[in-house]
Amino acid sequence: GIVTVLQIKATSPLSHNFSGTAKAGVQSMMAFYIWGNEPTIKGVLGIFAVLSGSLLYTYVKMNESNQTMHLMRSVSDVEIPKSSDN
């Protein structure tokens, strides 16, 4: 719906996919506690893989964003000499 469109507009379709997958992993963990679902080895490993991958993706994207912001600040601090031909 609207939230999906806004999230994709602010980030990317891939980031939206990662956040949805991470949300499903958290919901699965909550199911163990709330409804007493029996955890299996495969289920727990799958949730661990999903959450680990999502955290790694978030870490990488945050570093990329920080590097971009740092580069933009560095470029904006450079003074451009004025031409003396005037």
C-alpha atoms as a PDB file:
ATOM      1  CA  GLY A   1       0.000   0.000   0.000  1.00  0.00           C
ATOM      2  CA  ILE A   2       0.969   3.571   0.689  1.00  0.00           C
ATOM      3  CA  VAL A   3       3.678   2.679   3.219  1.00  0.00           C
ATOM      4  CA  THR A   4       5.331   0.370   0.672  1.00  0.00           C
ATOM      5  CA  VAL A   5       5.399   3.103  -1.962  1.00  0.00           C
ATOM      6  CA  LEU A   6       6.813   5.630   0.508  1.00  0.00           C
ATOM      7  CA  GLN A   7       9.461   3.206   1.741  1.00  0.00           C
ATOM      8  CA  ILE A   8      10.600   2.300  -1.777  1.00  0.00           C
ATOM      9  CA  LYS A   9      10.620   5.992  -2.718  1.00  0.00           C
ATOM     10  CA  ALA A  10      12.846   6.794   0.296  1.00  0.00           C
ATOM     11  CA  THR A  11      15.171   3.791  -0.089  1.00  0.00           C
ATOM     12  CA  SER A  12      15.082   1.156  -2.842  1.00  0.00           C
ATOM     13  CA  PRO A  13      13.105  -1.956  -3.774  1.00  0.00           C
ATOM     14  CA  LEU A  14      15.943  -4.130  -2.444  1.00  0.00           C
ATOM     15  CA  SER A  15      15.963  -2.344   0.927  1.00  0.00           C
ATOM     16  CA  HIS A  16      12.190  -2.758   1.107  1.00  0.00           C
ATOM     17  CA  ASN A  17      12.590  -6.495   0.445  1.00  0.00           C
ATOM     18  CA  PHE A  18      15.217  -6.824   3.193  1.00  0.00           C
ATOM     19  CA  SER A  19      13.055  -4.995   5.734  1.00  0.00           C
ATOM     20  CA  GLY A  20      10.059  -7.202   4.914  1.00  0.00           C
ATOM     21  CA  THR A  21      12.140 -10.358   5.276  1.00  0.00           C
ATOM     22  CA  ALA A  22      13.615  -9.168   8.585  1.00  0.00           C
ATOM     23  CA  LYS A  23      10.109  -8.370   9.839  1.00  0.00           C
ATOM     24  CA  ALA A  24       9.008 -11.919   8.996  1.00  0.00           C
ATOM     25  CA  GLY A  25      11.999 -13.302  10.906  1.00  0.00           C
ATOM     26  CA  VAL A  26      11.116 -11.269  13.994  1.00  0.00           C
ATOM     27  CA  GLN A  27       7.478 -12.377  13.715  1.00  0.00           C
ATOM     28  CA  SER A  28       8.616 -15.997  13.593  1.00  0.00           C
ATOM     29  CA  MET A  29      10.693 -15.504  16.738  1.00  0.00           C
ATOM     30  CA  MET A  30       7.702 -13.930  18.452  1.00  0.00           C
ATOM     31  CA  ALA A  31       5.576 -16.950  17.490  1.00  0.00           C
ATOM     32  CA  PHE A  32       7.856 -19.173  19.578  1.00  0.00           C
ATOM     33  CA  TYR A  33       7.147 -17.046  22.632  1.00  0.00           C
ATOM     34  CA  ILE A  34       3.534 -15.931  22.124  1.00  0.00           C
ATOM     35  CA  TRP A  35       1.921 -19.053  20.712  1.00  0.00           C
ATOM     36  CA  GLY A  36       4.393 -21.587  21.990  1.00  0.00           C
ATOM     37  CA  ASN A  37       5.395 -22.808  18.538  1.00  0.00           C
ATOM     38  CA  GLU A  38       8.021 -25.512  18.770  1.00  0.00           C
ATOM     39  CA  PRO A  39      11.329 -24.264  17.310  1.00  0.00           C
ATOM     40  CA  THR A  40      13.158 -26.597  14.953  1.00  0.00           C
ATOM     41  CA  ILE A  41      16.846 -26.532  14.125  1.00  0.00           C
ATOM     42  CA  LYS A  42      16.103 -25.563  10.514  1.00  0.00           C
ATOM     43  CA  GLY A  43      13.673 -22.864  11.609  1.00  0.00           C
ATOM     44  CA  VAL A  44      16.066 -21.290  14.087  1.00  0.00           C
ATOM     45  CA  LEU A  45      18.967 -21.441  11.600  1.00  0.00           C
ATOM     46  CA  GLY A  46      16.747 -19.863   8.938  1.00  0.00           C
ATOM     47  CA  ILE A  47      15.704 -17.032  11.242  1.00  0.00           C
ATOM     48  CA  PHE A  48      19.329 -16.511  12.271  1.00  0.00           C
ATOM     49  CA  ALA A  49      20.398 -16.370   8.597  1.00  0.00           C
ATOM     50  CA  VAL A  50      17.629 -13.890   7.724  1.00  0.00           C
ATOM     51  CA  LEU A  51      18.366 -11.565  10.631  1.00  0.00           C
ATOM     52  CA  SER A  52      22.149 -11.807  10.174  1.00  0.00           C
ATOM     53  CA  GLY A  53      21.855 -11.010   6.470  1.00  0.00           C
ATOM     54  CA  SER A  54      19.510  -8.114   7.155  1.00  0.00           C
ATOM     55  CA  LEU A  55      21.858  -6.679   9.780  1.00  0.00           C
ATOM     56  CA  LEU A  56      24.836  -7.029   7.437  1.00  0.00           C
ATOM     57  CA  TYR A  57      22.920  -5.329   4.604  1.00  0.00           C
ATOM     58  CA  THR A  58      21.920  -2.488   6.940  1.00  0.00           C
ATOM     59  CA  TYR A  59      25.513  -2.069   8.132  1.00  0.00           C
ATOM     60  CA  VAL A  60      26.844  -1.897   4.561  1.00  0.00           C
ATOM     61  CA  LYS A  61      24.154   0.565   3.422  1.00  0.00           C
ATOM     62  CA  MET A  62      24.758   2.798   6.436  1.00  0.00           C
ATOM     63  CA  ASN A  63      28.506   2.873   5.718  1.00  0.00           C
ATOM     64  CA  GLU A  64      27.833   3.698   2.050  1.00  0.00           C
ATOM     65  CA  SER A  65      25.522   6.507   3.118  1.00  0.00           C
ATOM     66  CA  ASN A  66      28.055   7.890   5.605  1.00  0.00           C
ATOM     67  CA  GLN A  67      30.824   7.805   2.979  1.00  0.00           C
ATOM     68  CA  THR A  68      28.597   9.620   0.493  1.00  0.00           C
ATOM     69  CA  MET A  69      27.721  12.298   3.046  1.00  0.00           C
ATOM     70  CA  HIS A  70      31.389  12.714   3.985  1.00  0.00           C
ATOM     71  CA  LEU A  71      32.346  13.052   0.322  1.00  0.00           C
ATOM     72  CA  MET A  72      29.586  15.612  -0.285  1.00  0.00           C
ATOM     73  CA  ARG A  73      30.781  17.678   2.683  1.00  0.00           C
ATOM     74  CA  SER A  74      34.375  17.505   1.454  1.00  0.00           C
ATOM     75  CA  VAL A  75      33.381  18.666  -2.010  1.00  0.00           C
ATOM     76  CA  SER A  76      31.251  21.512  -0.662  1.00  0.00           C
ATOM     77  CA  ASP A  77      34.184  22.762   1.473  1.00  0.00           C
ATOM     78  CA  VAL A  78      36.436  23.205  -1.563  1.00  0.00           C
ATOM     79  CA  GLU A  79      36.645  26.810  -2.701  1.00  0.00           C
ATOM     80  CA  ILE A  80      36.646  27.445  -6.411  1.00  0.00           C
ATOM     81  CA  PRO A  81      39.041  30.254  -7.378  1.00  0.00           C
ATOM     82  CA  LYS A  82      37.447  33.117  -9.279  1.00  0.00           C
ATOM     83  CA  SER A  83      38.729  33.966 -12.704  1.00  0.00           C
ATOM     84  CA  SER A  84      40.874  37.116 -12.875  1.00  0.00           C
ATOM     85  CA  ASP A  85      39.812  37.792 -16.485  1.00  0.00           C
ATOM     86  CA  ASN A  86      36.992  40.141 -15.408  1.00  0.00           C
END
